[in-house]
N, C-alpha and C. Protein backbone atom coordinates (compact mmCIF):
# COMPACT_ATOMS: atom_id res chain seq x y z
N UNK A 1 188.62 -86.19 -147.02
CA UNK A 1 188.81 -87.49 -147.20
C UNK A 1 188.94 -87.31 -145.31
N UNK A 2 188.02 -87.97 -144.43
CA UNK A 2 187.98 -86.96 -142.87
C UNK A 2 189.04 -88.11 -142.03
N UNK A 3 189.22 -86.93 -141.37
CA UNK A 3 190.72 -87.76 -140.64
C UNK A 3 189.63 -88.09 -139.10
N UNK A 4 190.41 -89.66 -138.61
CA UNK A 4 189.40 -90.29 -137.85
C UNK A 4 190.77 -90.17 -136.92
N UNK A 5 190.03 -89.67 -135.59
CA UNK A 5 190.80 -89.57 -134.56
C UNK A 5 190.21 -90.50 -133.24
N UNK A 6 191.58 -90.38 -132.16
CA UNK A 6 190.95 -91.60 -131.33
C UNK A 6 191.50 -90.68 -129.77
N UNK A 7 190.85 -90.64 -129.12
CA UNK A 7 191.16 -89.76 -128.07
C UNK A 7 191.74 -90.56 -127.02
N UNK A 8 192.84 -90.03 -126.58
CA UNK A 8 193.25 -91.32 -124.86
C UNK A 8 193.65 -90.52 -124.11
N UNK A 9 192.85 -90.20 -122.96
CA UNK A 9 192.89 -89.18 -121.75
C UNK A 9 192.23 -90.00 -120.59
N UNK A 10 192.58 -89.81 -119.44
CA UNK A 10 192.18 -90.39 -117.96
C UNK A 10 190.86 -89.66 -117.60
N UNK A 11 191.29 -88.29 -117.78
CA UNK A 11 190.00 -87.22 -117.20
C UNK A 11 188.55 -86.92 -118.48
N UNK A 12 187.56 -87.47 -117.97
CA UNK A 12 186.62 -86.86 -119.33
C UNK A 12 186.18 -85.96 -119.67
N UNK A 13 186.69 -85.22 -118.61
CA UNK A 13 186.19 -83.30 -119.00
C UNK A 13 187.40 -83.02 -119.96
N UNK A 14 188.40 -83.59 -119.77
CA UNK A 14 189.15 -83.29 -121.30
C UNK A 14 188.86 -84.03 -122.62
N UNK A 15 188.52 -85.12 -122.33
CA UNK A 15 188.16 -85.86 -123.68
C UNK A 15 186.51 -85.06 -124.02
N UNK A 16 185.97 -84.83 -123.16
CA UNK A 16 184.56 -84.14 -123.62
C UNK A 16 184.84 -82.94 -124.32
N UNK A 17 185.62 -81.73 -123.92
CA UNK A 17 185.82 -80.93 -124.58
C UNK A 17 186.61 -81.05 -125.91
N UNK A 18 187.51 -82.02 -126.37
CA UNK A 18 188.51 -82.48 -127.15
C UNK A 18 187.04 -82.98 -128.64
N UNK A 19 186.46 -83.89 -127.90
CA UNK A 19 185.49 -84.03 -128.97
C UNK A 19 184.86 -82.84 -129.49
N UNK A 20 184.26 -82.10 -128.52
CA UNK A 20 183.65 -80.57 -128.96
C UNK A 20 184.34 -80.32 -130.17
N UNK A 21 185.48 -80.11 -129.75
CA UNK A 21 186.40 -79.42 -130.91
C UNK A 21 186.51 -79.84 -131.77
N UNK A 22 186.69 -81.00 -131.52
CA UNK A 22 186.78 -81.90 -133.15
C UNK A 22 186.01 -81.98 -134.06
N UNK A 23 184.76 -82.73 -132.84
CA UNK A 23 183.81 -82.76 -133.90
C UNK A 23 182.96 -81.41 -134.64
N UNK A 24 183.30 -80.22 -134.26
CA UNK A 24 182.99 -78.90 -134.77
C UNK A 24 183.48 -78.47 -136.01
N UNK A 25 184.92 -79.26 -136.53
CA UNK A 25 185.94 -78.80 -137.12
C UNK A 25 185.40 -79.74 -138.57
N UNK A 26 185.60 -79.10 -139.10
CA UNK A 26 185.07 -80.10 -141.31
C UNK A 26 186.48 -80.87 -140.89
N UNK A 27 186.17 -81.74 -141.54
CA UNK A 27 186.91 -82.97 -142.37
C UNK A 27 187.66 -83.76 -140.98
N UNK A 28 187.33 -83.53 -139.93
CA UNK A 28 187.55 -84.35 -138.58
C UNK A 28 186.62 -85.20 -137.78
N UNK A 29 186.75 -86.13 -137.31
CA UNK A 29 185.96 -86.82 -136.77
C UNK A 29 186.39 -87.28 -135.24
N UNK A 30 185.63 -87.84 -134.03
CA UNK A 30 186.36 -88.48 -133.06
C UNK A 30 185.60 -89.74 -132.81
N UNK A 31 186.02 -90.87 -132.96
CA UNK A 31 185.74 -92.48 -133.71
C UNK A 31 185.80 -93.06 -132.32
N UNK A 32 186.69 -92.91 -131.14
CA UNK A 32 186.57 -93.28 -130.06
C UNK A 32 187.29 -93.11 -128.71
N UNK A 33 186.98 -92.83 -127.52
CA UNK A 33 187.55 -92.83 -126.59
C UNK A 33 188.09 -93.62 -125.62
N UNK A 34 189.58 -93.61 -125.24
CA UNK A 34 190.21 -94.35 -124.31
C UNK A 34 190.75 -93.76 -123.00
N UNK A 35 190.56 -94.20 -122.05
CA UNK A 35 190.78 -93.37 -120.15
C UNK A 35 191.76 -93.95 -119.96
N UNK A 36 192.69 -95.29 -120.98
CA UNK A 36 194.13 -95.72 -120.04
C UNK A 36 194.55 -95.81 -121.69
N UNK A 37 195.97 -96.54 -120.92
CA UNK A 37 196.71 -96.64 -122.38
C UNK A 37 196.60 -97.58 -122.93
N UNK A 38 196.42 -99.34 -122.43
CA UNK A 38 195.94 -100.59 -122.57
C UNK A 38 194.48 -100.10 -123.26
N UNK A 39 193.56 -99.56 -122.83
CA UNK A 39 192.49 -98.81 -123.96
C UNK A 39 192.59 -98.41 -125.09
N UNK A 40 193.70 -98.02 -125.03
CA UNK A 40 194.03 -97.18 -126.35
C UNK A 40 194.54 -98.02 -127.46
N UNK A 41 195.21 -98.62 -126.50
CA UNK A 41 196.20 -99.99 -127.77
C UNK A 41 195.19 -100.98 -128.44
N UNK A 42 193.87 -101.14 -127.33
CA UNK A 42 193.16 -102.06 -127.90
C UNK A 42 192.03 -101.38 -129.14
N UNK A 43 191.61 -99.95 -128.32
CA UNK A 43 190.85 -99.70 -129.35
C UNK A 43 191.58 -99.28 -130.87
N UNK A 44 192.95 -98.82 -131.26
CA UNK A 44 193.56 -98.50 -132.24
C UNK A 44 193.46 -99.94 -133.31
N UNK A 45 193.84 -101.28 -132.43
CA UNK A 45 193.33 -102.41 -133.11
C UNK A 45 192.31 -102.74 -134.01
N UNK A 46 191.06 -102.36 -133.02
CA UNK A 46 189.70 -101.97 -133.63
C UNK A 46 189.36 -101.18 -134.72
N UNK A 47 189.33 -99.97 -134.17
CA UNK A 47 188.99 -98.71 -134.99
C UNK A 47 190.06 -98.51 -136.03
N UNK A 48 191.08 -98.63 -136.28
CA UNK A 48 192.00 -98.46 -137.06
C UNK A 48 191.91 -96.54 -137.15
N UNK A 49 192.40 -96.01 -136.22
CA UNK A 49 191.96 -94.38 -136.28
C UNK A 49 193.15 -93.68 -137.05
N UNK A 50 193.57 -92.77 -137.84
CA UNK A 50 194.52 -91.73 -138.64
C UNK A 50 195.14 -91.31 -137.52
N UNK A 51 194.80 -90.97 -136.35
CA UNK A 51 195.38 -90.21 -135.12
C UNK A 51 195.36 -90.31 -133.82
N UNK A 52 196.09 -90.82 -132.88
CA UNK A 52 195.94 -91.03 -131.72
C UNK A 52 196.13 -89.86 -130.98
N UNK A 53 195.37 -89.01 -130.38
CA UNK A 53 195.67 -87.82 -129.41
C UNK A 53 195.81 -88.65 -128.12
N UNK A 54 197.02 -88.73 -127.77
CA UNK A 54 197.78 -89.38 -126.14
C UNK A 54 197.94 -88.75 -125.29
N UNK A 55 197.70 -88.70 -124.18
CA UNK A 55 197.59 -88.30 -123.07
C UNK A 55 198.97 -88.85 -122.18
N UNK A 56 199.67 -88.44 -121.30
CA UNK A 56 201.02 -89.51 -120.78
C UNK A 56 200.84 -89.85 -119.27
N UNK A 57 200.31 -89.51 -118.87
CA UNK A 57 200.25 -90.08 -117.35
C UNK A 57 198.66 -90.27 -117.51
N UNK A 58 198.57 -91.69 -117.70
CA UNK A 58 197.36 -92.37 -117.27
C UNK A 58 197.60 -93.95 -116.67
N UNK A 59 196.81 -94.34 -116.10
CA UNK A 59 196.42 -95.48 -114.43
C UNK A 59 197.38 -96.41 -115.51
N UNK A 60 197.51 -97.58 -114.86
CA UNK A 60 198.12 -98.69 -115.53
C UNK A 60 199.46 -98.40 -117.09
N UNK A 61 198.99 -98.82 -117.62
CA UNK A 61 199.61 -98.37 -119.16
C UNK A 61 200.25 -97.36 -119.74
N UNK A 62 200.73 -96.53 -118.97
CA UNK A 62 200.91 -94.81 -119.63
C UNK A 62 200.98 -94.63 -121.08
N UNK A 63 200.81 -93.31 -121.49
CA UNK A 63 200.96 -92.83 -122.85
C UNK A 63 202.36 -93.02 -123.13
N UNK A 64 203.12 -93.01 -122.75
CA UNK A 64 204.52 -93.75 -123.72
C UNK A 64 204.44 -94.94 -124.08
N UNK A 65 204.17 -95.92 -123.43
CA UNK A 65 204.26 -97.13 -123.94
C UNK A 65 203.17 -97.55 -124.43
N UNK A 66 202.05 -96.94 -124.50
CA UNK A 66 200.59 -97.15 -125.58
C UNK A 66 201.54 -96.59 -126.78
N UNK A 67 201.86 -95.58 -127.09
CA UNK A 67 202.73 -94.67 -128.30
C UNK A 67 203.55 -95.85 -128.79
N UNK A 68 204.29 -96.53 -127.65
CA UNK A 68 205.10 -97.37 -128.30
C UNK A 68 204.36 -98.48 -129.30
N UNK A 69 203.51 -99.07 -128.49
CA UNK A 69 202.91 -100.13 -128.59
C UNK A 69 202.10 -100.24 -130.07
N UNK A 70 201.15 -98.97 -130.15
CA UNK A 70 200.84 -98.65 -131.68
C UNK A 70 201.50 -98.27 -132.68
N UNK A 71 202.87 -97.51 -132.45
CA UNK A 71 203.72 -97.04 -133.43
C UNK A 71 204.06 -99.03 -133.95
N UNK A 72 204.52 -99.42 -132.96
CA UNK A 72 205.00 -100.93 -133.73
C UNK A 72 204.35 -101.74 -134.17
N UNK A 73 202.71 -101.79 -133.63
CA UNK A 73 201.96 -102.45 -134.24
C UNK A 73 200.82 -101.99 -135.73
N UNK A 74 200.76 -100.92 -135.51
CA UNK A 74 200.53 -100.18 -136.64
C UNK A 74 200.66 -99.17 -136.85
N UNK A 75 201.93 -99.28 -137.90
CA UNK A 75 202.83 -98.34 -138.44
C UNK A 75 202.10 -96.67 -139.19
N UNK A 76 200.87 -96.99 -139.60
CA UNK A 76 200.34 -96.34 -140.13
C UNK A 76 199.20 -95.13 -139.79
N UNK A 77 199.11 -95.63 -138.33
CA UNK A 77 198.60 -94.76 -137.50
C UNK A 77 199.25 -93.64 -136.68
N UNK A 78 199.28 -92.74 -136.84
CA UNK A 78 200.17 -91.16 -136.29
C UNK A 78 199.50 -91.08 -134.81
N UNK A 79 200.48 -91.18 -133.51
CA UNK A 79 199.87 -90.42 -132.45
C UNK A 79 200.82 -89.15 -132.16
N UNK A 80 199.49 -88.17 -131.83
CA UNK A 80 200.02 -86.95 -131.32
C UNK A 80 199.81 -86.50 -130.09
N UNK A 81 201.02 -86.59 -128.75
CA UNK A 81 201.26 -86.73 -127.35
C UNK A 81 200.65 -85.19 -127.05
N UNK A 82 199.58 -85.14 -126.11
CA UNK A 82 198.81 -84.04 -125.73
C UNK A 82 199.10 -84.10 -124.57
N UNK A 83 199.53 -82.91 -123.56
CA UNK A 83 200.14 -83.34 -122.34
C UNK A 83 200.49 -81.85 -121.64
N UNK A 84 199.93 -81.73 -120.35
CA UNK A 84 200.91 -80.49 -119.60
C UNK A 84 202.26 -80.96 -119.27
N UNK A 85 202.90 -81.94 -119.29
CA UNK A 85 204.30 -82.02 -118.84
C UNK A 85 205.22 -81.91 -120.38
N UNK A 86 205.67 -80.92 -120.16
CA UNK A 86 206.64 -80.38 -121.72
C UNK A 86 207.55 -80.44 -121.12
N UNK A 87 208.54 -81.62 -120.13
CA UNK A 87 210.08 -81.12 -119.78
C UNK A 87 210.32 -82.39 -120.75
N UNK A 88 212.05 -81.95 -121.38
CA UNK A 88 212.96 -82.44 -121.98
C UNK A 88 212.81 -83.96 -121.92
N UNK A 89 212.56 -84.53 -120.94
CA UNK A 89 212.54 -85.75 -120.56
C UNK A 89 211.05 -86.26 -121.28
N UNK A 90 210.02 -85.90 -120.94
CA UNK A 90 208.62 -86.36 -121.54
C UNK A 90 208.87 -86.17 -123.27
N UNK A 91 209.11 -85.03 -123.34
CA UNK A 91 209.59 -84.97 -124.92
C UNK A 91 210.51 -85.74 -126.09
N UNK A 92 211.55 -86.28 -125.10
CA UNK A 92 212.40 -87.32 -125.73
C UNK A 92 212.17 -88.74 -125.41
N UNK A 93 211.02 -88.87 -124.32
CA UNK A 93 210.44 -90.44 -124.35
C UNK A 93 209.45 -90.71 -125.39
N UNK A 94 208.83 -89.54 -125.82
CA UNK A 94 207.52 -89.21 -126.90
C UNK A 94 208.00 -89.80 -128.02
N UNK A 95 209.16 -89.07 -128.39
CA UNK A 95 209.41 -89.03 -129.45
C UNK A 95 210.22 -90.41 -130.07
N UNK A 96 211.39 -90.93 -129.13
CA UNK A 96 211.78 -92.22 -128.92
C UNK A 96 210.50 -93.28 -129.55
N UNK A 97 209.30 -92.98 -128.63
CA UNK A 97 208.36 -94.28 -128.88
C UNK A 97 207.64 -94.08 -129.80
N UNK A 98 207.87 -92.93 -130.97
CA UNK A 98 207.41 -93.07 -131.77
C UNK A 98 206.54 -91.80 -132.23
N UNK A 99 206.22 -91.63 -131.44
CA UNK A 99 205.42 -89.75 -131.46
C UNK A 99 205.34 -88.89 -132.78
N UNK A 100 204.50 -88.58 -133.67
CA UNK A 100 204.56 -87.92 -134.81
C UNK A 100 204.73 -86.55 -134.23
N UNK A 101 203.74 -86.15 -133.12
CA UNK A 101 203.64 -84.84 -132.74
C UNK A 101 203.64 -84.52 -131.07
N UNK A 102 204.21 -83.79 -130.53
CA UNK A 102 203.94 -83.61 -129.29
C UNK A 102 203.37 -82.15 -128.82
N UNK A 103 202.27 -81.99 -127.98
CA UNK A 103 201.67 -80.89 -127.82
C UNK A 103 201.57 -80.75 -126.56
N UNK A 104 201.05 -79.54 -125.97
CA UNK A 104 200.56 -78.98 -124.93
C UNK A 104 199.28 -78.52 -124.73
N UNK A 105 198.53 -78.98 -123.26
CA UNK A 105 197.32 -78.70 -123.61
C UNK A 105 197.07 -77.03 -123.74
N UNK A 106 198.04 -76.12 -123.18
CA UNK A 106 197.26 -74.67 -123.03
C UNK A 106 197.72 -74.05 -124.56
N UNK A 107 197.49 -74.80 -125.32
CA UNK A 107 197.68 -74.51 -126.70
C UNK A 107 196.39 -73.75 -127.27
N UNK A 108 196.42 -72.91 -128.20
CA UNK A 108 194.81 -72.57 -128.71
C UNK A 108 194.65 -73.54 -129.68
N UNK A 109 193.20 -73.32 -129.78
CA UNK A 109 192.29 -74.37 -130.89
C UNK A 109 192.32 -74.75 -131.90
N UNK A 110 193.13 -73.14 -132.84
CA UNK A 110 193.28 -73.47 -134.15
C UNK A 110 194.76 -74.09 -134.00
N UNK A 111 195.45 -73.95 -133.56
CA UNK A 111 196.70 -75.06 -133.46
C UNK A 111 197.03 -75.82 -132.87
N UNK A 112 195.62 -76.55 -132.33
CA UNK A 112 195.70 -77.85 -132.03
C UNK A 112 195.00 -78.39 -133.25
N UNK A 113 194.18 -78.06 -133.65
CA UNK A 113 193.34 -78.76 -134.85
C UNK A 113 194.24 -78.81 -136.09
N UNK A 114 195.15 -77.68 -136.72
CA UNK A 114 196.28 -77.76 -137.25
C UNK A 114 197.77 -78.97 -137.08
N UNK A 115 197.34 -78.96 -135.99
CA UNK A 115 198.62 -80.22 -135.77
C UNK A 115 197.99 -81.34 -136.21
N UNK A 116 196.46 -81.61 -135.94
CA UNK A 116 196.06 -82.92 -135.93
C UNK A 116 196.02 -82.95 -137.77
N UNK A 117 195.98 -82.17 -138.09
CA UNK A 117 195.89 -82.30 -140.16
C UNK A 117 197.32 -82.38 -140.32
N UNK A 118 198.48 -81.72 -139.47
CA UNK A 118 199.91 -81.94 -140.17
C UNK A 118 200.55 -83.54 -139.58
N UNK A 119 199.95 -84.07 -138.56
CA UNK A 119 200.25 -85.73 -138.22
C UNK A 119 199.47 -86.47 -139.03
N UNK A 120 198.10 -86.29 -139.33
CA UNK A 120 197.84 -86.93 -140.47
C UNK A 120 198.00 -87.18 -141.42
N UNK A 121 198.63 -86.14 -142.18
CA UNK A 121 199.44 -85.72 -143.37
C UNK A 121 200.39 -86.50 -143.55
N UNK A 122 201.27 -87.31 -142.30
CA UNK A 122 202.68 -87.69 -142.33
C UNK A 122 203.40 -87.04 -141.65
N UNK A 123 203.44 -85.79 -141.57
CA UNK A 123 204.41 -84.58 -141.22
C UNK A 123 204.85 -84.86 -139.26
N UNK A 124 205.53 -84.12 -139.29
CA UNK A 124 205.91 -84.18 -137.76
C UNK A 124 205.80 -82.95 -136.90
N UNK A 125 205.56 -82.90 -135.55
CA UNK A 125 205.15 -81.40 -135.30
C UNK A 125 205.05 -81.27 -133.63
N UNK A 126 206.10 -80.01 -133.28
CA UNK A 126 206.63 -80.24 -131.81
C UNK A 126 205.96 -78.93 -131.73
N UNK A 127 205.17 -78.59 -130.20
CA UNK A 127 204.45 -77.34 -130.04
C UNK A 127 205.67 -75.65 -129.73
N UNK A 128 205.21 -74.76 -130.75
CA UNK A 128 206.23 -73.96 -130.69
C UNK A 128 207.05 -73.30 -129.41
N UNK A 129 206.66 -73.84 -128.70
CA UNK A 129 207.62 -73.16 -127.20
C UNK A 129 208.25 -74.57 -126.86
N UNK A 130 208.27 -75.33 -126.98
CA UNK A 130 209.19 -76.83 -126.89
C UNK A 130 209.90 -76.31 -128.35
N UNK A 131 209.46 -76.41 -129.17
CA UNK A 131 210.86 -76.37 -130.27
C UNK A 131 211.71 -75.29 -129.65
N UNK A 132 211.17 -74.21 -129.58
CA UNK A 132 212.16 -73.03 -128.88
C UNK A 132 213.36 -73.62 -127.98
N UNK A 133 212.69 -74.21 -127.28
CA UNK A 133 213.46 -74.41 -125.86
C UNK A 133 214.83 -75.35 -126.23
N UNK A 134 214.44 -76.82 -127.32
CA UNK A 134 215.21 -77.72 -127.37
C UNK A 134 216.52 -76.68 -128.32
N UNK A 135 215.75 -75.95 -129.53
CA UNK A 135 216.68 -75.52 -130.60
C UNK A 135 217.85 -74.47 -129.43
N UNK A 136 217.22 -73.87 -128.48
CA UNK A 136 218.19 -72.93 -127.81
C UNK A 136 219.53 -74.11 -126.70
N UNK A 137 218.70 -75.35 -126.30
CA UNK A 137 219.47 -75.75 -125.63
C UNK A 137 220.72 -76.94 -126.82
N UNK A 138 220.12 -77.10 -127.71
CA UNK A 138 221.07 -77.56 -128.89
C UNK A 138 222.44 -76.84 -129.40
N UNK A 139 221.32 -75.49 -129.59
CA UNK A 139 222.77 -74.37 -130.16
C UNK A 139 223.94 -74.30 -128.52
N UNK A 140 223.47 -74.07 -127.50
CA UNK A 140 224.38 -74.06 -126.13
C UNK A 140 225.02 -75.06 -126.63
N UNK A 141 224.70 -76.64 -126.81
CA UNK A 141 225.69 -77.49 -126.27
C UNK A 141 226.85 -77.62 -127.87
N UNK A 142 226.18 -77.07 -129.05
CA UNK A 142 227.21 -77.49 -129.91
C UNK A 142 227.83 -76.15 -130.28
N UNK A 143 228.16 -75.43 -129.27
CA UNK A 143 228.58 -73.67 -129.29
C UNK A 143 230.35 -74.24 -129.63
N UNK A 144 230.47 -73.39 -130.48
CA UNK A 144 232.45 -73.50 -130.81
C UNK A 144 233.25 -73.08 -129.56
N UNK A 145 234.23 -73.80 -129.61
CA UNK A 145 235.27 -73.44 -128.64
C UNK A 145 235.98 -72.30 -128.94
N UNK A 146 236.09 -71.46 -127.98
CA UNK A 146 236.86 -70.72 -128.18
C UNK A 146 238.60 -70.61 -128.55
N UNK A 147 238.97 -69.66 -129.32
CA UNK A 147 239.86 -69.77 -129.93
C UNK A 147 240.68 -69.58 -128.49
N UNK A 148 242.57 -70.15 -128.98
CA UNK A 148 243.53 -69.09 -127.43
C UNK A 148 243.47 -67.97 -127.77
N UNK A 149 243.84 -67.03 -127.00
CA UNK A 149 243.83 -65.72 -127.27
C UNK A 149 245.75 -65.17 -127.48
N UNK A 150 245.64 -64.34 -128.15
CA UNK A 150 246.98 -64.12 -128.40
C UNK A 150 248.29 -63.66 -126.91
N UNK A 151 247.31 -63.44 -126.34
CA UNK A 151 248.40 -63.66 -124.58
C UNK A 151 248.70 -64.79 -124.64
N UNK A 152 247.38 -66.13 -124.66
CA UNK A 152 248.08 -67.47 -124.19
C UNK A 152 249.47 -67.78 -125.41
N UNK A 153 249.26 -67.56 -126.70
CA UNK A 153 249.92 -67.87 -127.02
C UNK A 153 251.30 -67.52 -127.29
N UNK A 154 251.13 -66.52 -126.74
CA UNK A 154 252.45 -65.58 -126.20
C UNK A 154 253.51 -66.58 -125.63
N UNK A 155 252.60 -67.12 -124.19
CA UNK A 155 253.59 -67.45 -123.39
C UNK A 155 254.07 -69.06 -124.03
N UNK A 156 253.84 -69.51 -125.02
CA UNK A 156 254.20 -70.57 -125.62
C UNK A 156 255.64 -70.75 -125.92
N UNK A 157 256.74 -71.26 -125.91
CA UNK A 157 258.11 -71.36 -126.40
C UNK A 157 258.32 -71.89 -127.49
N UNK A 158 259.12 -71.55 -128.39
CA UNK A 158 259.35 -72.07 -129.71
C UNK A 158 259.31 -73.54 -129.65
N UNK A 159 259.95 -74.04 -129.13
CA UNK A 159 259.80 -75.73 -129.05
C UNK A 159 258.38 -76.23 -128.47
N UNK A 160 257.84 -75.47 -127.87
CA UNK A 160 256.44 -76.30 -127.94
C UNK A 160 255.30 -75.37 -128.98
N UNK A 161 255.58 -74.88 -129.43
CA UNK A 161 255.27 -74.29 -130.96
C UNK A 161 254.83 -75.45 -131.83
N UNK A 162 256.69 -75.88 -132.00
CA UNK A 162 256.86 -76.87 -132.81
C UNK A 162 256.12 -78.29 -132.68
N UNK A 163 256.01 -78.27 -131.35
CA UNK A 163 255.88 -79.95 -131.01
C UNK A 163 254.09 -79.87 -131.49
N UNK A 164 253.19 -78.72 -130.95
CA UNK A 164 251.92 -78.55 -131.06
C UNK A 164 251.91 -78.61 -132.68
N UNK A 165 252.55 -77.88 -133.70
CA UNK A 165 252.63 -78.16 -134.81
C UNK A 165 252.74 -79.86 -135.16
N UNK A 166 253.85 -80.53 -135.01
CA UNK A 166 253.33 -81.94 -135.12
C UNK A 166 252.54 -82.83 -134.44
N UNK A 167 251.70 -82.36 -133.41
CA UNK A 167 250.55 -83.15 -133.38
C UNK A 167 249.13 -82.31 -134.11
N UNK A 168 249.77 -81.20 -134.48
CA UNK A 168 248.70 -80.98 -135.60
C UNK A 168 248.24 -82.01 -136.97
N UNK A 169 249.98 -82.57 -137.22
CA UNK A 169 250.15 -83.06 -138.39
C UNK A 169 249.85 -84.65 -138.37
N UNK A 170 248.91 -84.60 -136.80
CA UNK A 170 248.72 -86.15 -136.45
C UNK A 170 249.51 -87.59 -135.94
N UNK A 171 251.05 -86.50 -135.57
CA UNK A 171 251.94 -87.91 -134.80
C UNK A 171 251.66 -88.18 -133.63
N UNK A 172 251.93 -89.37 -133.50
CA UNK A 172 251.90 -89.83 -131.84
C UNK A 172 252.78 -89.49 -131.34
N UNK A 173 252.50 -90.35 -129.76
CA UNK A 173 253.93 -89.65 -128.75
C UNK A 173 255.04 -90.24 -129.10
N UNK A 174 254.92 -91.47 -129.78
CA UNK A 174 256.29 -92.25 -130.15
C UNK A 174 256.77 -91.66 -131.48
N UNK A 175 256.54 -91.10 -132.15
CA UNK A 175 256.58 -90.34 -133.70
C UNK A 175 256.98 -89.47 -133.02
N UNK A 176 256.70 -88.44 -132.10
CA UNK A 176 256.75 -87.22 -131.38
C UNK A 176 258.64 -87.65 -131.10
N UNK A 177 258.56 -88.69 -130.21
CA UNK A 177 259.81 -88.64 -129.61
C UNK A 177 260.76 -88.90 -130.57
N UNK A 178 260.55 -89.92 -131.68
CA UNK A 178 261.64 -90.06 -132.89
C UNK A 178 261.90 -88.88 -133.68
N UNK A 179 261.38 -88.24 -133.77
CA UNK A 179 261.13 -86.81 -134.64
C UNK A 179 261.81 -86.19 -133.72
N UNK A 180 261.74 -85.80 -132.75
CA UNK A 180 262.53 -84.58 -131.95
C UNK A 180 263.76 -85.17 -131.55
N UNK A 181 264.03 -86.59 -131.37
CA UNK A 181 265.13 -87.52 -130.47
C UNK A 181 264.86 -86.81 -128.97
N UNK A 182 263.65 -86.81 -129.11
CA UNK A 182 263.87 -86.27 -126.93
C UNK A 182 263.48 -87.53 -126.76
N UNK A 183 263.81 -87.88 -125.20
CA UNK A 183 263.36 -89.10 -124.60
C UNK A 183 262.74 -89.50 -124.29
N UNK A 184 262.21 -90.94 -123.77
CA UNK A 184 261.11 -91.64 -123.90
C UNK A 184 260.49 -91.06 -122.72
N UNK A 185 260.79 -90.54 -121.65
CA UNK A 185 259.64 -89.82 -120.62
C UNK A 185 259.06 -88.72 -121.22
N UNK A 186 259.20 -88.43 -122.29
CA UNK A 186 258.64 -87.07 -122.71
C UNK A 186 257.52 -87.88 -123.22
N UNK A 187 256.91 -89.09 -123.84
CA UNK A 187 256.43 -89.74 -124.41
C UNK A 187 254.67 -89.15 -124.01
N UNK A 188 255.16 -89.27 -122.79
CA UNK A 188 254.03 -89.03 -121.53
C UNK A 188 253.11 -87.49 -121.76
N UNK A 189 254.13 -86.18 -122.01
CA UNK A 189 254.02 -85.00 -121.50
C UNK A 189 253.94 -83.94 -122.91
N UNK A 190 254.97 -84.79 -124.25
CA UNK A 190 254.91 -83.75 -125.38
C UNK A 190 253.49 -83.50 -125.97
N UNK A 191 252.05 -84.11 -125.68
CA UNK A 191 251.16 -83.85 -126.18
C UNK A 191 250.52 -82.85 -125.04
N UNK A 192 250.56 -82.30 -124.19
CA UNK A 192 249.96 -82.16 -123.45
C UNK A 192 250.19 -80.18 -123.40
N UNK A 193 248.72 -79.63 -123.00
CA UNK A 193 249.32 -77.83 -123.34
C UNK A 193 250.44 -77.36 -122.95
N UNK A 194 251.20 -76.44 -123.67
CA UNK A 194 252.24 -76.10 -122.28
C UNK A 194 251.94 -75.81 -121.09
N UNK A 195 250.81 -75.46 -120.54
CA UNK A 195 250.67 -74.91 -119.09
C UNK A 195 250.27 -76.25 -118.04
N UNK A 196 250.25 -77.34 -118.72
CA UNK A 196 249.67 -78.66 -117.93
C UNK A 196 251.41 -79.57 -117.97
N UNK A 197 252.05 -79.15 -118.95
CA UNK A 197 253.49 -79.78 -118.90
C UNK A 197 254.16 -79.60 -117.60
N UNK A 198 254.45 -80.78 -116.77
CA UNK A 198 255.38 -80.84 -115.67
C UNK A 198 256.55 -81.56 -116.07
N UNK A 199 257.62 -80.97 -115.44
CA UNK A 199 258.76 -81.34 -115.37
C UNK A 199 259.18 -82.41 -114.39
N UNK A 200 259.84 -83.62 -114.65
CA UNK A 200 260.08 -84.09 -113.59
C UNK A 200 260.91 -83.60 -112.41
N UNK A 201 260.61 -83.83 -111.08
CA UNK A 201 260.96 -82.76 -110.04
C UNK A 201 262.37 -83.42 -109.53
N UNK A 202 263.27 -83.21 -109.33
CA UNK A 202 264.80 -83.91 -108.89
C UNK A 202 264.37 -84.72 -107.10
N UNK A 203 264.84 -85.88 -107.17
CA UNK A 203 264.78 -86.59 -105.65
C UNK A 203 265.89 -85.49 -104.67
N UNK A 204 265.39 -86.59 -103.65
CA UNK A 204 266.30 -85.68 -102.93
C UNK A 204 267.80 -86.37 -102.58
N UNK A 205 268.52 -85.34 -102.06
CA UNK A 205 269.95 -85.23 -102.62
C UNK A 205 270.72 -86.58 -101.50
N UNK A 206 271.32 -87.61 -102.41
CA UNK A 206 271.92 -89.01 -102.09
C UNK A 206 273.22 -88.58 -101.18
N UNK A 207 272.89 -89.03 -99.92
CA UNK A 207 274.44 -88.88 -98.74
C UNK A 207 275.52 -90.43 -98.85
N UNK A 208 276.43 -90.14 -99.21
CA UNK A 208 277.31 -90.57 -99.48
C UNK A 208 278.10 -91.12 -98.14
N UNK A 209 277.83 -92.71 -98.40
CA UNK A 209 278.47 -93.28 -97.07
C UNK A 209 279.87 -92.99 -96.94
N UNK A 210 280.13 -92.36 -95.81
CA UNK A 210 282.07 -92.41 -95.66
C UNK A 210 282.46 -93.56 -94.55
C-alpha cells in the first residue's frame, strides 16, 4: 500500500527537494503541497493523506496550530513535524498538538524515509539527537536525593533521632506533642531538621520598679 504524503512548508525549494526524495522512494508518494498552515488544514480535508510533513514556522497559521487542527479533525492522519527548530519548547508544543513525529531538517534521507513509514504505521518517532537530550534532562530531574552522611547524622541528638523516627511513622505535629509530652510551641519546630530548629530566644530582662 502506497503512503500518501502532504508537504507543508513555506519554502518552495524545501518542498521541491522533499518531493524529489519521496517520489523516488518505493511505496511513498506526494499528493499535495501547502505553503501555510491553513492550506495544510484545507488540503488535509480534501486529500485525506496518510502523513502530513509539517514545518513549524509558516506565515499566518503556524505548524503547531495546523497540527492541532488536523489531528482533532482527522485522527487517522499522522503528522510528522520537520523543522530546523529543535528546542524543548518546540518539541513539547508539537507533541501536545498531536504530532506523531518530530524530525529535524539535517537528518539523512534514509532516516527521513524510515520516519515517514514509522509514523504512517501508527507509531511515534523523535529525532535521535532530540531523544537523547530529552532523556538526559529527564534523568537529571529524577536523580535521587543523596542520603545524609554519617557526619551529618552524628550531629543529631538522641532526642532528635526519636522525633525523626516518629515523623517517619507519619505522626503529625499535634501527635508528636501529645506522644512526647512536649509543650505546644514545639508543634511548629519538632518536624524541622535538627540544623533548622531554632530555640526561642529569651526576651530582654524586665526591671522591677522600686
